[in-house]
Amino acid sequence: MSVPARFLLGLRDGLPIGAGYFAVSFAFGIQARAIGLTALQAFALSGGNLTSAGQFAGLAVIQAGGGLLAMALTQLVINLRYCLMSCAIAQRLAPGVPLWHRFPIAFGVTDEIFAASVAVPGRLRPAYSYGLIAISWPGWAGGTVLGVLAGDLLPGSVTAALAMALYAMFVAIVVPAAKADRRVLGVALAAGLLSVLCALAPALRALSEGTRVVLVTLLVAGGAATLFPMKEPADGRA
């Protein structure tokens, strides 16, 4: 497959991600406006930090008057799971992909982009990843700016409904892969069950959401890799 075709394929697969990001980032923009951020400041925050949980937590730190160290530690804990996702994607990239491709791809790693990337059969090519990012990043950054400009025009019930779009989109990404492979379904169910247990267990409930995600990922992914090892991917459509 040619480079332009891979890029267009990434755009197509990333279209629902960009739409979901627009809805959630719109709500983020409204909240950013509520604590006094300008459209430019909110755009810089969203454009340079593609993580919904991290950004909402960042707003809480800003609102509380926290310092740079508090912000750095908050982002490190919440976004630690992206290190695991980046390592997994690095294993899927075609041999010989240089660092000047790997760094932009790592910048664009999110939960949804990761799910779309690992669902691709065969080796992952940079053009496909750039296609995913090219449609997702504008949705996230653009939705933030429009949310700031909208201010308090929308009621809280509407913004809460918009936030649910991201979770529905993520389910839509996982379901096709789960239907195609029962092992994926089993891993998804195990991860969901373990996440609920971690949220309810007194000893684990005190951990941050990002730390619980990392813990569940290591346990479930490690167990699945041990029980159901996958063959080395061949060169595929992306």
Foldseek 3Di string as FASTA:
>chain_A
DDLVVLLVLLLVVQQLLLQLLLLLLLLVLLVCLVLPDALVRLLVLCLQAPASVLSVVLSVCVSVVHDPVVSVVSNCLQVVVLVVLLVVLVLQADPPDDPVLSVVLSSQDDLQLSLLQVLFFFHGYSSSSNSNSVSNSCSNSVSNSNSNVCHPVDDPVSSVVSNVSNVVSSCVSQVVVCVVDVLSVVLVVQLVVQLVVLCPDPVNVPRDPSNSNNVSCCVSVVVSCVVPPDDRTHHGDD
